PDB file of N, CA and C in Angstrom:
ATOM      1  N   MET A   1       1.919  18.711  11.851  1.00  0.00           N
ATOM      2  CA  MET A   1       0.355  18.699  11.570  1.00  0.00           C
ATOM      3  C   MET A   1       0.081  17.635  10.516  1.00  0.00           C
ATOM      4  N   ILE A   2      -0.956  17.049  10.973  1.00  0.00           N
ATOM      5  CA  ILE A   2      -1.465  15.809  10.226  1.00  0.00           C
ATOM      6  C   ILE A   2      -2.348  16.480   8.944  1.00  0.00           C
ATOM      7  N   GLU A   3      -1.716  15.963   7.671  1.00  0.00           N
ATOM      8  CA  GLU A   3      -2.359  16.322   6.568  1.00  0.00           C
ATOM      9  C   GLU A   3      -3.348  15.296   5.828  1.00  0.00           C
ATOM     10  N   GLY A   4      -3.173  14.132   6.226  1.00  0.00           N
ATOM     11  CA  GLY A   4      -4.081  13.252   5.748  1.00  0.00           C
ATOM     12  C   GLY A   4      -4.078  11.771   6.691  1.00  0.00           C
ATOM     13  N   ILE A   5      -5.296  11.156   6.440  1.00  0.00           N
ATOM     14  CA  ILE A   5      -5.368   9.775   7.259  1.00  0.00           C
ATOM     15  C   ILE A   5      -6.041   8.922   6.192  1.00  0.00           C
ATOM     16  N   GLY A   6      -5.661   7.859   5.997  1.00  0.00           N
ATOM     17  CA  GLY A   6      -6.188   6.790   4.940  1.00  0.00           C
ATOM     18  C   GLY A   6      -6.237   5.241   5.791  1.00  0.00           C
ATOM     19  N   ILE A   7      -7.288   4.791   5.621  1.00  0.00           N
ATOM     20  CA  ILE A   7      -7.576   3.269   5.921  1.00  0.00           C
ATOM     21  C   ILE A   7      -7.979   2.445   4.776  1.00  0.00           C
ATOM     22  N   ASP A   8      -7.703   1.317   4.674  1.00  0.00           N
ATOM     23  CA  ASP A   8      -8.409   0.368   3.874  1.00  0.00           C
ATOM     24  C   ASP A   8      -8.231  -0.993   4.364  1.00  0.00           C
ATOM     25  N   VAL A   9      -9.311  -1.759   4.013  1.00  0.00           N
ATOM     26  CA  VAL A   9      -9.490  -3.181   4.300  1.00  0.00           C
ATOM     27  C   VAL A   9      -9.832  -4.035   2.912  1.00  0.00           C
ATOM     28  N   VAL A  10      -9.026  -5.194   2.992  1.00  0.00           N
ATOM     29  CA  VAL A  10      -9.200  -6.118   1.786  1.00  0.00           C
ATOM     30  C   VAL A  10      -9.697  -7.526   2.300  1.00  0.00           C
ATOM     31  N   ASP A  11     -10.511  -8.194   1.644  1.00  0.00           N
ATOM     32  CA  ASP A  11     -10.924  -9.476   1.863  1.00  0.00           C
ATOM     33  C   ASP A  11      -9.787 -10.324   1.101  1.00  0.00           C
ATOM     34  N   ILE A  12      -8.932 -11.077   1.691  1.00  0.00           N
ATOM     35  CA  ILE A  12      -7.783 -12.006   1.148  1.00  0.00           C
ATOM     36  C   ILE A  12      -8.376 -12.737   0.062  1.00  0.00           C
ATOM     37  N   ASP A  13      -9.313 -13.549   0.309  1.00  0.00           N
ATOM     38  CA  ASP A  13      -9.874 -14.422  -0.741  1.00  0.00           C
ATOM     39  C   ASP A  13     -10.362 -13.987  -2.162  1.00  0.00           C
ATOM     40  N   ARG A  14     -11.134 -12.812  -1.890  1.00  0.00           N
ATOM     41  CA  ARG A  14     -11.634 -11.996  -2.918  1.00  0.00           C
ATOM     42  C   ARG A  14     -10.567 -11.425  -3.597  1.00  0.00           C
ATOM     43  N   PHE A  15      -9.673 -10.873  -2.988  1.00  0.00           N
ATOM     44  CA  PHE A  15      -8.527 -10.244  -3.717  1.00  0.00           C
ATOM     45  C   PHE A  15      -7.535 -11.384  -4.386  1.00  0.00           C
ATOM     46  N   ALA A  16      -7.419 -12.693  -3.776  1.00  0.00           N
ATOM     47  CA  ALA A  16      -6.964 -13.647  -4.640  1.00  0.00           C
ATOM     48  C   ALA A  16      -7.604 -13.974  -6.002  1.00  0.00           C
ATOM     49  N   LEU A  17      -8.924 -13.968  -5.797  1.00  0.00           N
ATOM     50  CA  LEU A  17      -9.861 -14.285  -7.090  1.00  0.00           C
ATOM     51  C   LEU A  17      -9.647 -13.287  -7.914  1.00  0.00           C
ATOM     52  N   SER A  18      -9.303 -12.035  -7.604  1.00  0.00           N
ATOM     53  CA  SER A  18      -9.297 -10.786  -8.538  1.00  0.00           C
ATOM     54  C   SER A  18      -8.050 -11.014  -9.384  1.00  0.00           C
ATOM     55  N   LEU A  19      -7.001 -11.353  -8.616  1.00  0.00           N
ATOM     56  CA  LEU A  19      -5.578 -11.760  -9.373  1.00  0.00           C
ATOM     57  C   LEU A  19      -5.622 -12.854 -10.194  1.00  0.00           C
ATOM     58  N   GLN A  20      -6.486 -13.846  -9.873  1.00  0.00           N
ATOM     59  CA  GLN A  20      -6.622 -15.193 -10.758  1.00  0.00           C
ATOM     60  C   GLN A  20      -7.338 -14.810 -11.861  1.00  0.00           C
ATOM     61  N   ARG A  21      -8.371 -14.100 -11.891  1.00  0.00           N
ATOM     62  CA  ARG A  21      -9.364 -13.545 -13.209  1.00  0.00           C
ATOM     63  C   ARG A  21      -8.473 -12.643 -13.844  1.00  0.00           C
ATOM     64  N   THR A  22      -7.650 -11.824 -13.276  1.00  0.00           N
ATOM     65  CA  THR A  22      -6.895 -10.801 -14.045  1.00  0.00           C
ATOM     66  C   THR A  22      -5.559 -10.735 -13.888  1.00  0.00           C
ATOM     67  N   PRO A  23      -4.739 -11.829 -14.611  1.00  0.00           N
ATOM     68  CA  PRO A  23      -3.022 -11.893 -13.789  1.00  0.00           C
ATOM     69  C   PRO A  23      -2.384 -10.779 -14.155  1.00  0.00           C
ATOM     70  N   SER A  24      -2.896  -9.744 -15.171  1.00  0.00           N
ATOM     71  CA  SER A  24      -1.845  -8.807 -15.305  1.00  0.00           C
ATOM     72  C   SER A  24      -1.902  -7.629 -14.089  1.00  0.00           C
ATOM     73  N   LEU A  25      -3.163  -7.889 -13.212  1.00  0.00           N
ATOM     74  CA  LEU A  25      -3.148  -6.932 -12.113  1.00  0.00           C
ATOM     75  C   LEU A  25      -1.816  -6.926 -11.364  1.00  0.00           C
ATOM     76  N   LEU A  26      -1.060  -8.154 -11.222  1.00  0.00           N
ATOM     77  CA  LEU A  26      -0.023  -8.390 -10.336  1.00  0.00           C
ATOM     78  C   LEU A  26       0.946  -7.610 -10.653  1.00  0.00           C
ATOM     79  N   GLU A  27       1.372  -7.485 -12.027  1.00  0.00           N
ATOM     80  CA  GLU A  27       2.484  -6.409 -12.419  1.00  0.00           C
ATOM     81  C   GLU A  27       1.970  -4.959 -12.395  1.00  0.00           C
ATOM     82  N   ARG A  28       0.730  -4.697 -12.523  1.00  0.00           N
ATOM     83  CA  ARG A  28       0.209  -3.324 -12.522  1.00  0.00           C
ATOM     84  C   ARG A  28       0.365  -2.886 -11.135  1.00  0.00           C
ATOM     85  N   LEU A  29       0.099  -3.664  -9.928  1.00  0.00           N
ATOM     86  CA  LEU A  29      -0.206  -3.362  -8.806  1.00  0.00           C
ATOM     87  C   LEU A  29       1.144  -3.306  -7.756  1.00  0.00           C
ATOM     88  N   PHE A  30       2.085  -4.441  -8.175  1.00  0.00           N
ATOM     89  CA  PHE A  30       3.042  -4.472  -7.251  1.00  0.00           C
ATOM     90  C   PHE A  30       4.378  -4.799  -8.089  1.00  0.00           C
ATOM     91  N   THR A  31       5.394  -4.094  -7.287  1.00  0.00           N
ATOM     92  CA  THR A  31       6.919  -4.161  -7.691  1.00  0.00           C
ATOM     93  C   THR A  31       7.353  -5.745  -7.611  1.00  0.00           C
ATOM     94  N   GLN A  32       8.458  -6.118  -8.431  1.00  0.00           N
ATOM     95  CA  GLN A  32       8.963  -7.193  -8.520  1.00  0.00           C
ATOM     96  C   GLN A  32       9.050  -7.837  -7.038  1.00  0.00           C
ATOM     97  N   ASN A  33       9.728  -7.242  -6.063  1.00  0.00           N
ATOM     98  CA  ASN A  33       9.877  -7.794  -4.698  1.00  0.00           C
ATOM     99  C   ASN A  33       8.401  -8.105  -4.091  1.00  0.00           C
ATOM    100  N   GLU A  34       7.347  -7.267  -4.336  1.00  0.00           N
ATOM    101  CA  GLU A  34       6.027  -7.369  -3.648  1.00  0.00           C
ATOM    102  C   GLU A  34       5.355  -8.422  -4.381  1.00  0.00           C
ATOM    103  N   GLN A  35       5.550  -8.919  -5.782  1.00  0.00           N
ATOM    104  CA  GLN A  35       4.990  -9.827  -6.411  1.00  0.00           C
ATOM    105  C   GLN A  35       5.258 -11.208  -5.915  1.00  0.00           C
ATOM    106  N   SER A  36       6.441 -11.544  -5.088  1.00  0.00           N
ATOM    107  CA  SER A  36       7.066 -12.889  -4.802  1.00  0.00           C
ATOM    108  C   SER A  36       6.412 -13.013  -3.354  1.00  0.00           C
ATOM    109  N   LEU A  37       5.766 -12.209  -2.833  1.00  0.00           N
ATOM    110  CA  LEU A  37       5.126 -12.497  -1.353  1.00  0.00           C
ATOM    111  C   LEU A  37       3.770 -13.218  -1.406  1.00  0.00           C
ATOM    112  N   PRO A  38       3.518 -13.643  -0.213  1.00  0.00           N
ATOM    113  CA  PRO A  38       2.300 -14.614  -0.189  1.00  0.00           C
ATOM    114  C   PRO A  38       1.143 -13.581  -0.276  1.00  0.00           C
ATOM    115  N   ILE A  39       0.182 -14.179  -0.784  1.00  0.00           N
ATOM    116  CA  ILE A  39      -1.189 -13.373  -1.049  1.00  0.00           C
ATOM    117  C   ILE A  39      -1.649 -12.697   0.084  1.00  0.00           C
ATOM    118  N   SER A  40      -1.560 -12.956   1.331  1.00  0.00           N
ATOM    119  CA  SER A  40      -1.819 -12.161   2.420  1.00  0.00           C
ATOM    120  C   SER A  40      -1.201 -10.939   2.631  1.00  0.00           C
ATOM    121  N   SER A  41       0.060 -11.158   2.261  1.00  0.00           N
ATOM    122  CA  SER A  41       1.164  -9.837   2.237  1.00  0.00           C
ATOM    123  C   SER A  41       0.777  -9.003   1.045  1.00  0.00           C
ATOM    124  N   GLN A  42       0.482  -9.552  -0.130  1.00  0.00           N
ATOM    125  CA  GLN A  42       0.136  -8.800  -1.293  1.00  0.00           C
ATOM    126  C   GLN A  42      -1.254  -7.834  -0.821  1.00  0.00           C
ATOM    127  N   ALA A  43      -2.098  -8.668  -0.254  1.00  0.00           N
ATOM    128  CA  ALA A  43      -3.457  -7.941   0.033  1.00  0.00           C
ATOM    129  C   ALA A  43      -3.266  -6.781   0.957  1.00  0.00           C
ATOM    130  N   ALA A  44      -2.281  -7.155   1.930  1.00  0.00           N
ATOM    131  CA  ALA A  44      -2.105  -5.888   2.939  1.00  0.00           C
ATOM    132  C   ALA A  44      -1.258  -4.862   2.305  1.00  0.00           C
ATOM    133  N   ARG A  45      -0.458  -5.219   1.445  1.00  0.00           N
ATOM    134  CA  ARG A  45       0.257  -4.039   0.500  1.00  0.00           C
ATOM    135  C   ARG A  45      -0.700  -3.229  -0.445  1.00  0.00           C
ATOM    136  N   PHE A  46      -1.724  -4.070  -0.913  1.00  0.00           N
ATOM    137  CA  PHE A  46      -2.887  -3.508  -1.804  1.00  0.00           C
ATOM    138  C   PHE A  46      -3.440  -2.263  -0.824  1.00  0.00           C
ATOM    139  N   ALA A  47      -3.840  -2.771   0.340  1.00  0.00           N
ATOM    140  CA  ALA A  47      -4.561  -2.135   1.396  1.00  0.00           C
ATOM    141  C   ALA A  47      -3.576  -0.765   1.856  1.00  0.00           C
ATOM    142  N   ALA A  48      -2.476  -1.120   1.979  1.00  0.00           N
ATOM    143  CA  ALA A  48      -1.519   0.171   2.176  1.00  0.00           C
ATOM    144  C   ALA A  48      -1.536   1.105   1.074  1.00  0.00           C
ATOM    145  N   LYS A  49      -1.664   0.601  -0.140  1.00  0.00           N
ATOM    146  CA  LYS A  49      -1.520   1.850  -1.194  1.00  0.00           C
ATOM    147  C   LYS A  49      -2.845   2.449  -1.436  1.00  0.00           C
ATOM    148  N   GLU A  50      -3.965   1.527  -1.328  1.00  0.00           N
ATOM    149  CA  GLU A  50      -5.335   2.397  -1.100  1.00  0.00           C
ATOM    150  C   GLU A  50      -5.309   3.330  -0.003  1.00  0.00           C
ATOM    151  N   ALA A  51      -5.008   2.968   1.049  1.00  0.00           N
ATOM    152  CA  ALA A  51      -4.720   3.816   2.257  1.00  0.00           C
ATOM    153  C   ALA A  51      -3.891   5.020   1.867  1.00  0.00           C
ATOM    154  N   LEU A  52      -2.900   4.939   1.387  1.00  0.00           N
ATOM    155  CA  LEU A  52      -1.907   5.932   0.889  1.00  0.00           C
ATOM    156  C   LEU A  52      -2.947   7.150   0.108  1.00  0.00           C
ATOM    157  N   ALA A  53      -3.529   6.626  -0.928  1.00  0.00           N
ATOM    158  CA  ALA A  53      -4.121   7.341  -2.089  1.00  0.00           C
ATOM    159  C   ALA A  53      -5.377   8.245  -1.145  1.00  0.00           C
ATOM    160  N   LYS A  54      -5.856   7.565  -0.260  1.00  0.00           N
ATOM    161  CA  LYS A  54      -6.910   8.242   0.669  1.00  0.00           C
ATOM    162  C   LYS A  54      -6.036   9.322   1.553  1.00  0.00           C
ATOM    163  N   ALA A  55      -5.023   9.191   2.139  1.00  0.00           N
ATOM    164  CA  ALA A  55      -4.424  10.076   2.885  1.00  0.00           C
ATOM    165  C   ALA A  55      -3.902  11.275   2.042  1.00  0.00           C
ATOM    166  N   LEU A  56      -3.524  11.078   0.901  1.00  0.00           N
ATOM    167  CA  LEU A  56      -3.121  12.090  -0.018  1.00  0.00           C
ATOM    168  C   LEU A  56      -4.303  12.558  -0.750  1.00  0.00           C
ATOM    169  N   ASN A  57      -5.183  12.164  -0.675  1.00  0.00           N
ATOM    170  CA  ASN A  57      -6.661  12.927  -1.193  1.00  0.00           C
ATOM    171  C   ASN A  57      -6.356  12.668  -2.774  1.00  0.00           C
ATOM    172  N   ALA A  58      -5.853  11.587  -3.256  1.00  0.00           N
ATOM    173  CA  ALA A  58      -5.551  11.479  -4.711  1.00  0.00           C
ATOM    174  C   ALA A  58      -6.387  10.527  -5.369  1.00  0.00           C
ATOM    175  N   GLY A  59      -7.468  10.023  -4.872  1.00  0.00           N
ATOM    176  CA  GLY A  59      -8.275   9.179  -5.506  1.00  0.00           C
ATOM    177  C   GLY A  59      -7.619   8.004  -6.010  1.00  0.00           C
ATOM    178  N   LYS A  60      -8.182   7.585  -7.204  1.00  0.00           N
ATOM    179  CA  LYS A  60      -7.425   6.579  -8.037  1.00  0.00           C
ATOM    180  C   LYS A  60      -6.247   6.976  -9.022  1.00  0.00           C
ATOM    181  N   GLY A  61      -5.834   8.144  -8.926  1.00  0.00           N
ATOM    182  CA  GLY A  61      -4.993   8.654  -9.666  1.00  0.00           C
ATOM    183  C   GLY A  61      -3.264   8.390  -9.548  1.00  0.00           C
ATOM    184  N   LEU A  62      -3.017   7.506  -8.620  1.00  0.00           N
ATOM    185  CA  LEU A  62      -1.627   7.384  -8.252  1.00  0.00           C
ATOM    186  C   LEU A  62      -1.137   6.037  -9.070  1.00  0.00           C
ATOM    187  N   PRO A  63       0.118   6.327  -9.379  1.00  0.00           N
ATOM    188  CA  PRO A  63       0.780   5.079 -10.030  1.00  0.00           C
ATOM    189  C   PRO A  63       1.277   4.090  -8.904  1.00  0.00           C
ATOM    190  N   TRP A  64       0.715   2.834  -9.040  1.00  0.00           N
ATOM    191  CA  TRP A  64       1.034   1.834  -7.827  1.00  0.00           C
ATOM    192  C   TRP A  64       2.274   1.514  -7.702  1.00  0.00           C
ATOM    193  N   LEU A  65       3.168   1.420  -8.753  1.00  0.00           N
ATOM    194  CA  LEU A  65       4.390   0.994  -8.611  1.00  0.00           C
ATOM    195  C   LEU A  65       5.461   1.924  -7.949  1.00  0.00           C
ATOM    196  N   ASP A  66       4.793   3.156  -7.832  1.00  0.00           N
ATOM    197  CA  ASP A  66       5.663   4.310  -7.331  1.00  0.00           C
ATOM    198  C   ASP A  66       5.614   4.348  -5.807  1.00  0.00           C
ATOM    199  N   ALA A  67       4.943   3.503  -5.330  1.00  0.00           N
ATOM    200  CA  ALA A  67       4.836   3.204  -3.802  1.00  0.00           C
ATOM    201  C   ALA A  67       5.116   1.589  -3.503  1.00  0.00           C
ATOM    202  N   GLU A  68       6.321   1.415  -3.106  1.00  0.00           N
ATOM    203  CA  GLU A  68       6.516  -0.125  -2.519  1.00  0.00           C
ATOM    204  C   GLU A  68       6.728  -0.100  -1.121  1.00  0.00           C
ATOM    205  N   VAL A  69       5.897  -0.990  -0.642  1.00  0.00           N
ATOM    206  CA  VAL A  69       6.039  -1.389   0.831  1.00  0.00           C
ATOM    207  C   VAL A  69       7.020  -2.449   1.242  1.00  0.00           C
ATOM    208  N   VAL A  70       7.925  -2.160   2.210  1.00  0.00           N
ATOM    209  CA  VAL A  70       9.067  -2.972   2.275  1.00  0.00           C
ATOM    210  C   VAL A  70       9.019  -3.184   3.812  1.00  0.00           C
ATOM    211  N   ASN A  71       9.720  -4.073   4.518  1.00  0.00           N
ATOM    212  CA  ASN A  71       9.943  -4.376   5.624  1.00  0.00           C
ATOM    213  C   ASN A  71      11.365  -4.002   6.422  1.00  0.00           C
ATOM    214  N   LEU A  72      11.482  -3.089   7.366  1.00  0.00           N
ATOM    215  CA  LEU A  72      12.730  -2.815   7.963  1.00  0.00           C
ATOM    216  C   LEU A  72      13.232  -4.162   8.593  1.00  0.00           C
ATOM    217  N   GLU A  73      14.465  -4.199   8.874  1.00  0.00           N
ATOM    218  CA  GLU A  73      15.053  -5.290   9.829  1.00  0.00           C
ATOM    219  C   GLU A  73      14.224  -5.817  11.086  1.00  0.00           C
ATOM    220  N   SER A  74      13.587  -4.680  11.513  1.00  0.00           N
ATOM    221  CA  SER A  74      12.852  -4.868  12.880  1.00  0.00           C
ATOM    222  C   SER A  74      11.296  -5.508  12.379  1.00  0.00           C
ATOM    223  N   GLY A  75      10.853  -5.510  11.200  1.00  0.00           N
ATOM    224  CA  GLY A  75       9.638  -5.950  10.669  1.00  0.00           C
ATOM    225  C   GLY A  75       8.735  -4.891  10.502  1.00  0.00           C
ATOM    226  N   LYS A  76       9.016  -3.644  10.838  1.00  0.00           N
ATOM    227  CA  LYS A  76       8.220  -2.635  10.573  1.00  0.00           C
ATOM    228  C   LYS A  76       8.005  -2.358   9.163  1.00  0.00           C
ATOM    229  N   PRO A  77       6.745  -2.135   8.671  1.00  0.00           N
ATOM    230  CA  PRO A  77       6.576  -1.872   7.310  1.00  0.00           C
ATOM    231  C   PRO A  77       6.736  -0.460   7.046  1.00  0.00           C
ATOM    232  N   VAL A  78       7.311  -0.024   5.861  1.00  0.00           N
ATOM    233  CA  VAL A  78       7.479   1.351   5.279  1.00  0.00           C
ATOM    234  C   VAL A  78       7.262   1.549   4.064  1.00  0.00           C
ATOM    235  N   PHE A  79       6.988   2.824   3.556  1.00  0.00           N
ATOM    236  CA  PHE A  79       6.956   2.935   2.023  1.00  0.00           C
ATOM    237  C   PHE A  79       8.367   3.338   1.434  1.00  0.00           C
ATOM    238  N   LEU A  80       8.644   2.887   0.133  1.00  0.00           N
ATOM    239  CA  LEU A  80       9.629   3.306  -0.495  1.00  0.00           C
ATOM    240  C   LEU A  80       9.198   4.122  -1.671  1.00  0.00           C
ATOM    241  N   PHE A  81       9.214   5.446  -1.866  1.00  0.00           N
ATOM    242  CA  PHE A  81       8.486   6.027  -2.757  1.00  0.00           C
ATOM    243  C   PHE A  81       9.453   6.381  -4.002  1.00  0.00           C
ATOM    244  N   ARG A  82       8.706   6.534  -5.213  1.00  0.00           N
ATOM    245  CA  ARG A  82       9.430   7.007  -6.526  1.00  0.00           C
ATOM    246  C   ARG A  82       8.777   7.816  -7.244  1.00  0.00           C
ATOM    247  N   GLY A  83       9.098   8.449  -8.111  1.00  0.00           N
ATOM    248  CA  GLY A  83       8.581   9.085  -9.261  1.00  0.00           C
ATOM    249  C   GLY A  83       7.412  10.218  -8.759  1.00  0.00           C
ATOM    250  N   GLU A  84       6.064   9.990  -9.161  1.00  0.00           N
ATOM    251  CA  GLU A  84       5.069  11.022  -8.826  1.00  0.00           C
ATOM    252  C   GLU A  84       4.781  11.016  -7.622  1.00  0.00           C
ATOM    253  N   ILE A  85       4.917   9.882  -6.808  1.00  0.00           N
ATOM    254  CA  ILE A  85       4.546   9.837  -5.335  1.00  0.00           C
ATOM    255  C   ILE A  85       5.486  10.545  -4.451  1.00  0.00           C
ATOM    256  N   ALA A  86       6.812  10.262  -5.026  1.00  0.00           N
ATOM    257  CA  ALA A  86       7.796  10.877  -4.264  1.00  0.00           C
ATOM    258  C   ALA A  86       7.676  12.348  -4.235  1.00  0.00           C
ATOM    259  N   ASP A  87       7.190  12.827  -5.381  1.00  0.00           N
ATOM    260  CA  ASP A  87       6.937  14.277  -5.358  1.00  0.00           C
ATOM    261  C   ASP A  87       5.902  14.753  -4.614  1.00  0.00           C
ATOM    262  N   LEU A  88       4.772  14.004  -4.587  1.00  0.00           N
ATOM    263  CA  LEU A  88       3.673  14.377  -3.467  1.00  0.00           C
ATOM    264  C   LEU A  88       4.031  14.363  -2.357  1.00  0.00           C
ATOM    265  N   VAL A  89       4.791  13.476  -1.663  1.00  0.00           N
ATOM    266  CA  VAL A  89       5.200  13.349  -0.247  1.00  0.00           C
ATOM    267  C   VAL A  89       6.324  13.929   0.072  1.00  0.00           C
ATOM    268  N   ASP A  90       6.994  14.805  -0.895  1.00  0.00           N
ATOM    269  CA  ASP A  90       8.287  15.345  -0.533  1.00  0.00           C
ATOM    270  C   ASP A  90       8.145  16.235   0.691  1.00  0.00           C
ATOM    271  N   GLY A  91       9.124  15.771   1.700  1.00  0.00           N
ATOM    272  CA  GLY A  91       9.023  16.493   2.948  1.00  0.00           C
ATOM    273  C   GLY A  91       8.152  16.263   4.061  1.00  0.00           C
ATOM    274  N   ALA A  92       7.290  15.059   3.676  1.00  0.00           N
ATOM    275  CA  ALA A  92       6.279  14.593   4.716  1.00  0.00           C
ATOM    276  C   ALA A  92       6.837  13.453   5.388  1.00  0.00           C
ATOM    277  N   SER A  93       6.307  12.968   6.498  1.00  0.00           N
ATOM    278  CA  SER A  93       6.631  11.929   7.127  1.00  0.00           C
ATOM    279  C   SER A  93       5.218  11.011   6.975  1.00  0.00           C
ATOM    280  N   VAL A  94       5.551   9.752   6.424  1.00  0.00           N
ATOM    281  CA  VAL A  94       4.401   8.874   5.941  1.00  0.00           C
ATOM    282  C   VAL A  94       4.455   7.788   7.179  1.00  0.00           C
ATOM    283  N   HIS A  95       3.460   7.604   7.824  1.00  0.00           N
ATOM    284  CA  HIS A  95       3.428   6.375   8.668  1.00  0.00           C
ATOM    285  C   HIS A  95       2.435   5.565   8.327  1.00  0.00           C
ATOM    286  N   LEU A  96       2.737   4.014   8.596  1.00  0.00           N
ATOM    287  CA  LEU A  96       2.055   2.886   7.941  1.00  0.00           C
ATOM    288  C   LEU A  96       2.072   1.839   8.972  1.00  0.00           C
ATOM    289  N   SER A  97       0.849   1.287   9.129  1.00  0.00           N
ATOM    290  CA  SER A  97       0.578   0.105   9.825  1.00  0.00           C
ATOM    291  C   SER A  97      -0.100  -0.872   9.084  1.00  0.00           C
ATOM    292  N   ILE A  98       0.010  -2.005   8.858  1.00  0.00           N
ATOM    293  CA  ILE A  98      -0.634  -2.980   8.212  1.00  0.00           C
ATOM    294  C   ILE A  98      -0.749  -4.272   9.088  1.00  0.00           C
ATOM    295  N   SER A  99      -1.863  -5.018   8.836  1.00  0.00           N
ATOM    296  CA  SER A  99      -2.029  -6.450   9.452  1.00  0.00           C
ATOM    297  C   SER A  99      -2.760  -7.281   8.376  1.00  0.00           C
ATOM    298  N   HIS A 100      -2.672  -8.599   8.749  1.00  0.00           N
ATOM    299  CA  HIS A 100      -3.671  -9.644   8.175  1.00  0.00           C
ATOM    300  C   HIS A 100      -3.809 -10.827   9.053  1.00  0.00           C
ATOM    301  N   ASP A 101      -5.303 -10.938   9.213  1.00  0.00           N
ATOM    302  CA  ASP A 101      -5.569 -12.186   9.948  1.00  0.00           C
ATOM    303  C   ASP A 101      -7.062 -12.393   9.641  1.00  0.00           C
ATOM    304  N   ALA A 102      -7.366 -13.696   9.923  1.00  0.00           N
ATOM    305  CA  ALA A 102      -8.698 -14.322   9.738  1.00  0.00           C
ATOM    306  C   ALA A 102      -9.233 -13.804   8.470  1.00  0.00           C
ATOM    307  N   GLY A 103      -8.755 -13.874   7.357  1.00  0.00           N
ATOM    308  CA  GLY A 103      -9.114 -13.624   5.924  1.00  0.00           C
ATOM    309  C   GLY A 103      -9.013 -12.087   5.632  1.00  0.00           C
ATOM    310  N   ILE A 104      -8.519 -11.135   6.500  1.00  0.00           N
ATOM    311  CA  ILE A 104      -8.666  -9.871   6.085  1.00  0.00           C
ATOM    312  C   ILE A 104      -7.324  -9.230   6.319  1.00  0.00           C
ATOM    313  N   ALA A 105      -7.095  -8.399   5.244  1.00  0.00           N
ATOM    314  CA  ALA A 105      -5.983  -7.373   5.371  1.00  0.00           C
ATOM    315  C   ALA A 105      -6.328  -6.012   5.329  1.00  0.00           C
ATOM    316  N   SER A 106      -5.548  -5.127   6.363  1.00  0.00           N
ATOM    317  CA  SER A 106      -5.718  -3.960   6.642  1.00  0.00           C
ATOM    318  C   SER A 106      -4.680  -2.816   6.786  1.00  0.00           C
ATOM    319  N   ALA A 107      -4.730  -1.858   6.640  1.00  0.00           N
ATOM    320  CA  ALA A 107      -3.723  -0.676   6.633  1.00  0.00           C
ATOM    321  C   ALA A 107      -4.302   0.455   7.002  1.00  0.00           C
ATOM    322  N   ILE A 108      -3.485   1.445   7.806  1.00  0.00           N
ATOM    323  CA  ILE A 108      -3.616   2.843   8.112  1.00  0.00           C
ATOM    324  C   ILE A 108      -2.615   3.573   7.482  1.00  0.00           C
ATOM    325  N   VAL A 109      -2.710   4.849   6.879  1.00  0.00           N
ATOM    326  CA  VAL A 109      -1.619   5.550   6.667  1.00  0.00           C
ATOM    327  C   VAL A 109      -1.829   6.914   7.210  1.00  0.00           C
ATOM    328  N   ILE A 110      -0.997   7.679   7.780  1.00  0.00           N
ATOM    329  CA  ILE A 110      -1.128   8.933   8.245  1.00  0.00           C
ATOM    330  C   ILE A 110       0.229   9.869   7.649  1.00  0.00           C
ATOM    331  N   VAL A 111      -0.139  10.800   6.833  1.00  0.00           N
ATOM    332  CA  VAL A 111       0.649  11.645   6.262  1.00  0.00           C
ATOM    333  C   VAL A 111       0.768  12.951   7.125  1.00  0.00           C
ATOM    334  N   GLU A 112       1.912  13.249   7.596  1.00  0.00           N
ATOM    335  CA  GLU A 112       2.370  14.428   8.578  1.00  0.00           C
ATOM    336  C   GLU A 112       3.280  15.313   8.008  1.00  0.00           C
ATOM    337  N   ARG A 113       3.135  16.662   8.070  1.00  0.00           N
ATOM    338  CA  ARG A 113       4.035  17.639   7.627  1.00  0.00           C
ATOM    339  C   ARG A 113       4.558  18.554   8.992  1.00  0.00           C
ATOM    340  N   THR A 114       5.723  18.748   9.052  1.00  0.00           N
ATOM    341  CA  THR A 114       6.234  19.546  10.295  1.00  0.00           C
ATOM    342  C   THR A 114       6.158  20.956   9.976  1.00  0.00           C
TER     343      THR A 114
END
């Protein structure tokens, strides 16, 4: 049964400007691994975390670093959960799709419980 669906879209240039204006955002939003990625990948990961919050109906209350987006060897993006978010998704399947092209990053998340 689908518990929640979330989608988010990020303008990559606008996101880059936000990070330039507020450098501390980088450490608040992203794990060390995510911080080393190109801006388009960071924007897609931010969109993924926003989409996750929507799918979990959590508003803005999730700790950003408790959800890390990594790529499997195949290239497929998946979340690694820890802390509070791991507790929220315990037992659920979380499906993630991300994309970035033409200055836009997007993500969709589906949370499913069997």
